[in-house]
Amino acid sequence: MKRFLLSALLLFAALLPAFSQVKVSVDTPDLDVQVKRAFAQGDNVCIDLMITNQGNYESIYFDFWATKIYDDEGNEYTGNALSKDGPGTYGGKIDIPRDIPRKVRIIVHDVDEYASAFTLAKIVYEVYNPRSAGSKILTIKNLPITK
């Protein structure tokens, strides 16, 4: 019986990371996006991304009024609950030179104190080269929040 319980526990521990891994998908195939971390800072949560342009884009613009982020407590964050790099920047454009990784910090304001993860983030963006390629979506699933 002890061997069975130990085997079951080890199997569960081995499978747990497969179910809780962060999943990232980007509508623009030549834009590499890595999620570095999400961490609490008071009642705000910072999401750090590393974006590398592998195409011919000049800049990327984030549209936080169209973006929606959900936490594991059932809350939705959009519009003025989001900013880039600090308060008052509800969206914004950054230059993305080819093959140069750029750090982007998205701040989610007034996050529920009991939230331990963002279950889904649909971040709306546009890339320019020099014209807009239209709205695209960066999707992040199962992003744990470090407290």
C-alpha atoms as a PDB file:
ATOM      1  CA  MET A   1       0.000   0.000   0.000  1.00  0.00           C
ATOM      2  CA  LYS A   2       2.830   2.402   0.869  1.00  0.00           C
ATOM      3  CA  ARG A   3       4.532   1.657  -2.451  1.00  0.00           C
ATOM      4  CA  PHE A   4       1.281   2.431  -4.323  1.00  0.00           C
ATOM      5  CA  LEU A   5       0.821   5.764  -2.529  1.00  0.00           C
ATOM      6  CA  LEU A   6       4.439   6.709  -3.109  1.00  0.00           C
ATOM      7  CA  SER A   7       4.155   5.815  -6.804  1.00  0.00           C
ATOM      8  CA  ALA A   8       0.928   7.792  -7.148  1.00  0.00           C
ATOM      9  CA  LEU A   9       2.499  10.820  -5.428  1.00  0.00           C
ATOM     10  CA  LEU A  10       5.577  10.706  -7.667  1.00  0.00           C
ATOM     11  CA  LEU A  11       3.421  10.392 -10.787  1.00  0.00           C
ATOM     12  CA  PHE A  12       1.296  13.364  -9.704  1.00  0.00           C
ATOM     13  CA  ALA A  13       4.429  15.445  -8.981  1.00  0.00           C
ATOM     14  CA  ALA A  14       5.844  14.573 -12.410  1.00  0.00           C
ATOM     15  CA  LEU A  15       2.637  15.512 -14.234  1.00  0.00           C
ATOM     16  CA  LEU A  16       1.886  18.723 -12.317  1.00  0.00           C
ATOM     17  CA  PRO A  17       4.284  20.968 -14.316  1.00  0.00           C
ATOM     18  CA  ALA A  18       2.736  19.804 -17.604  1.00  0.00           C
ATOM     19  CA  PHE A  19      -0.658  21.063 -16.495  1.00  0.00           C
ATOM     20  CA  SER A  20       0.504  24.362 -15.057  1.00  0.00           C
ATOM     21  CA  GLN A  21       3.044  25.567 -17.621  1.00  0.00           C
ATOM     22  CA  VAL A  22       2.681  29.054 -19.061  1.00  0.00           C
ATOM     23  CA  LYS A  23       1.454  28.943 -22.650  1.00  0.00           C
ATOM     24  CA  VAL A  24       2.184  31.814 -25.050  1.00  0.00           C
ATOM     25  CA  SER A  25       0.860  32.291 -28.579  1.00  0.00           C
ATOM     26  CA  VAL A  26       1.417  35.247 -30.885  1.00  0.00           C
ATOM     27  CA  ASP A  27      -0.531  36.192 -34.032  1.00  0.00           C
ATOM     28  CA  THR A  28       2.687  37.478 -35.638  1.00  0.00           C
ATOM     29  CA  PRO A  29       4.983  34.508 -36.400  1.00  0.00           C
ATOM     30  CA  ASP A  30       8.185  36.552 -36.745  1.00  0.00           C
ATOM     31  CA  LEU A  31       7.730  38.244 -33.360  1.00  0.00           C
ATOM     32  CA  ASP A  32       9.281  36.183 -30.547  1.00  0.00           C
ATOM     33  CA  VAL A  33       7.655  36.807 -27.162  1.00  0.00           C
ATOM     34  CA  GLN A  34       8.887  35.282 -23.919  1.00  0.00           C
ATOM     35  CA  VAL A  35       7.172  35.744 -20.580  1.00  0.00           C
ATOM     36  CA  LYS A  36       9.915  36.340 -18.032  1.00  0.00           C
ATOM     37  CA  ARG A  37       7.815  36.679 -14.862  1.00  0.00           C
ATOM     38  CA  ALA A  38       4.730  38.079 -13.161  1.00  0.00           C
ATOM     39  CA  PHE A  39       5.255  39.443  -9.676  1.00  0.00           C
ATOM     40  CA  ALA A  40       3.206  41.350  -7.132  1.00  0.00           C
ATOM     41  CA  GLN A  41       4.238  44.841  -6.145  1.00  0.00           C
ATOM     42  CA  GLY A  42       1.748  46.005  -3.531  1.00  0.00           C
ATOM     43  CA  ASP A  43      -1.708  45.653  -5.088  1.00  0.00           C
ATOM     44  CA  ASN A  44      -0.262  45.758  -8.609  1.00  0.00           C
ATOM     45  CA  VAL A  45       1.209  42.879 -10.627  1.00  0.00           C
ATOM     46  CA  CYS A  46       4.015  43.440 -13.131  1.00  0.00           C
ATOM     47  CA  ILE A  47       4.212  41.166 -16.166  1.00  0.00           C
ATOM     48  CA  ASP A  48       7.670  41.248 -17.743  1.00  0.00           C
ATOM     49  CA  LEU A  49       7.917  40.259 -21.404  1.00  0.00           C
ATOM     50  CA  MET A  50      10.940  39.971 -23.677  1.00  0.00           C
ATOM     51  CA  ILE A  51      10.068  40.760 -27.300  1.00  0.00           C
ATOM     52  CA  THR A  52      12.408  40.102 -30.215  1.00  0.00           C
ATOM     53  CA  ASN A  53      11.566  41.306 -33.713  1.00  0.00           C
ATOM     54  CA  GLN A  54      12.636  38.717 -36.257  1.00  0.00           C
ATOM     55  CA  GLY A  55      10.737  40.416 -39.091  1.00  0.00           C
ATOM     56  CA  ASN A  56      10.769  43.823 -40.718  1.00  0.00           C
ATOM     57  CA  TYR A  57       8.806  45.723 -38.069  1.00  0.00           C
ATOM     58  CA  GLU A  58       9.790  49.125 -36.756  1.00  0.00           C
ATOM     59  CA  SER A  59       7.600  49.352 -33.680  1.00  0.00           C
ATOM     60  CA  ILE A  60       4.840  47.704 -31.687  1.00  0.00           C
ATOM     61  CA  TYR A  61       1.825  49.440 -30.125  1.00  0.00           C
ATOM     62  CA  PHE A  62      -0.144  47.969 -27.205  1.00  0.00           C
ATOM     63  CA  ASP A  63      -3.882  48.727 -27.018  1.00  0.00           C
ATOM     64  CA  PHE A  64      -4.897  48.212 -23.380  1.00  0.00           C
ATOM     65  CA  TRP A  65      -8.485  49.393 -23.972  1.00  0.00           C
ATOM     66  CA  ALA A  66      -9.031  46.265 -26.085  1.00  0.00           C
ATOM     67  CA  THR A  67      -6.877  43.980 -23.883  1.00  0.00           C
ATOM     68  CA  LYS A  68      -8.456  41.646 -21.317  1.00  0.00           C
ATOM     69  CA  ILE A  69      -6.674  39.815 -18.485  1.00  0.00           C
ATOM     70  CA  TYR A  70      -8.399  37.344 -16.145  1.00  0.00           C
ATOM     71  CA  ASP A  71      -7.184  36.032 -12.784  1.00  0.00           C
ATOM     72  CA  ASP A  72      -7.950  32.798 -10.947  1.00  0.00           C
ATOM     73  CA  GLU A  73     -10.367  34.655  -8.635  1.00  0.00           C
ATOM     74  CA  GLY A  74     -12.703  35.478 -11.551  1.00  0.00           C
ATOM     75  CA  ASN A  75     -11.697  39.138 -12.009  1.00  0.00           C
ATOM     76  CA  GLU A  76     -11.232  40.887 -15.367  1.00  0.00           C
ATOM     77  CA  TYR A  77      -8.737  43.704 -15.934  1.00  0.00           C
ATOM     78  CA  THR A  78      -8.890  45.999 -18.954  1.00  0.00           C
ATOM     79  CA  GLY A  79      -8.524  49.660 -19.974  1.00  0.00           C
ATOM     80  CA  ASN A  80      -7.245  51.902 -17.198  1.00  0.00           C
ATOM     81  CA  ALA A  81      -6.506  48.862 -14.986  1.00  0.00           C
ATOM     82  CA  LEU A  82      -3.464  48.280 -17.236  1.00  0.00           C
ATOM     83  CA  SER A  83      -0.413  50.372 -18.083  1.00  0.00           C
ATOM     84  CA  LYS A  84       2.996  50.021 -19.682  1.00  0.00           C
ATOM     85  CA  ASP A  85       5.977  50.852 -17.443  1.00  0.00           C
ATOM     86  CA  GLY A  86       3.939  52.965 -15.001  1.00  0.00           C
ATOM     87  CA  PRO A  87       0.738  54.897 -14.282  1.00  0.00           C
ATOM     88  CA  GLY A  88      -0.856  56.932 -17.037  1.00  0.00           C
ATOM     89  CA  THR A  89       0.516  54.975 -20.006  1.00  0.00           C
ATOM     90  CA  TYR A  90      -2.574  53.073 -21.120  1.00  0.00           C
ATOM     91  CA  GLY A  91      -1.026  51.595 -24.201  1.00  0.00           C
ATOM     92  CA  GLY A  92       1.955  52.856 -26.014  1.00  0.00           C
ATOM     93  CA  LYS A  93       4.429  52.368 -28.776  1.00  0.00           C
ATOM     94  CA  ILE A  94       7.943  51.001 -28.450  1.00  0.00           C
ATOM     95  CA  ASP A  95      10.631  50.671 -31.101  1.00  0.00           C
ATOM     96  CA  ILE A  96      11.646  47.084 -31.805  1.00  0.00           C
ATOM     97  CA  PRO A  97      14.886  46.939 -33.825  1.00  0.00           C
ATOM     98  CA  ARG A  98      15.447  43.684 -35.661  1.00  0.00           C
ATOM     99  CA  ASP A  99      17.108  40.890 -33.601  1.00  0.00           C
ATOM    100  CA  ILE A 100      17.416  43.068 -30.463  1.00  0.00           C
ATOM    101  CA  PRO A 101      15.431  41.784 -27.443  1.00  0.00           C
ATOM    102  CA  ARG A 102      13.291  44.510 -25.833  1.00  0.00           C
ATOM    103  CA  LYS A 103      11.879  44.307 -22.322  1.00  0.00           C
ATOM    104  CA  VAL A 104       8.261  45.352 -21.915  1.00  0.00           C
ATOM    105  CA  ARG A 105       6.583  45.629 -18.511  1.00  0.00           C
ATOM    106  CA  ILE A 106       2.804  45.551 -18.338  1.00  0.00           C
ATOM    107  CA  ILE A 107       1.360  46.590 -14.996  1.00  0.00           C
ATOM    108  CA  VAL A 108      -2.025  45.277 -13.882  1.00  0.00           C
ATOM    109  CA  HIS A 109      -3.449  47.614 -11.233  1.00  0.00           C
ATOM    110  CA  ASP A 110      -5.567  46.750  -8.165  1.00  0.00           C
ATOM    111  CA  VAL A 111      -5.204  42.975  -8.477  1.00  0.00           C
ATOM    112  CA  ASP A 112      -7.269  40.857  -6.082  1.00  0.00           C
ATOM    113  CA  GLU A 113      -5.100  40.044  -3.056  1.00  0.00           C
ATOM    114  CA  TYR A 114      -6.055  36.351  -3.286  1.00  0.00           C
ATOM    115  CA  ALA A 115      -5.184  35.954  -6.990  1.00  0.00           C
ATOM    116  CA  SER A 116      -2.299  33.550  -7.481  1.00  0.00           C
ATOM    117  CA  ALA A 117      -2.275  33.408 -11.305  1.00  0.00           C
ATOM    118  CA  PHE A 118      -3.578  35.022 -14.460  1.00  0.00           C
ATOM    119  CA  THR A 119      -5.571  32.285 -16.157  1.00  0.00           C
ATOM    120  CA  LEU A 120      -5.846  34.142 -19.482  1.00  0.00           C
ATOM    121  CA  ALA A 121      -4.388  37.331 -20.932  1.00  0.00           C
ATOM    122  CA  LYS A 122      -5.378  38.522 -24.406  1.00  0.00           C
ATOM    123  CA  ILE A 123      -3.077  41.461 -25.075  1.00  0.00           C
ATOM    124  CA  VAL A 124      -3.995  43.424 -28.190  1.00  0.00           C
ATOM    125  CA  TYR A 125      -1.144  44.944 -30.202  1.00  0.00           C
ATOM    126  CA  GLU A 126      -0.280  46.287 -33.642  1.00  0.00           C
ATOM    127  CA  VAL A 127       3.070  46.124 -35.411  1.00  0.00           C
ATOM    128  CA  TYR A 128       4.271  48.771 -37.884  1.00  0.00           C
ATOM    129  CA  ASN A 129       6.591  48.461 -40.877  1.00  0.00           C
ATOM    130  CA  PRO A 130       5.984  51.497 -41.465  1.00  0.00           C
ATOM    131  CA  ARG A 131       2.228  50.892 -41.860  1.00  0.00           C
ATOM    132  CA  SER A 132       0.057  49.075 -39.379  1.00  0.00           C
ATOM    133  CA  ALA A 133      -0.446  45.375 -39.964  1.00  0.00           C
ATOM    134  CA  GLY A 134      -3.776  45.550 -38.102  1.00  0.00           C
ATOM    135  CA  SER A 135      -4.692  44.388 -34.614  1.00  0.00           C
ATOM    136  CA  LYS A 136      -3.126  41.160 -33.400  1.00  0.00           C
ATOM    137  CA  ILE A 137      -3.429  39.229 -30.139  1.00  0.00           C
ATOM    138  CA  LEU A 138      -0.759  37.943 -27.785  1.00  0.00           C
ATOM    139  CA  THR A 139      -2.318  35.173 -25.656  1.00  0.00           C
ATOM    140  CA  ILE A 140      -0.836  34.060 -22.347  1.00  0.00           C
ATOM    141  CA  LYS A 141      -2.375  31.237 -20.296  1.00  0.00           C
ATOM    142  CA  ASN A 142      -1.672  29.988 -16.753  1.00  0.00           C
ATOM    143  CA  LEU A 143       0.765  32.706 -15.679  1.00  0.00           C
ATOM    144  CA  PRO A 144       1.570  32.316 -11.956  1.00  0.00           C
ATOM    145  CA  ILE A 145       1.975  35.458  -9.839  1.00  0.00           C
ATOM    146  CA  THR A 146       5.004  35.520  -7.525  1.00  0.00           C
ATOM    147  CA  LYS A 147       4.231  37.271  -4.246  1.00  0.00           C
END
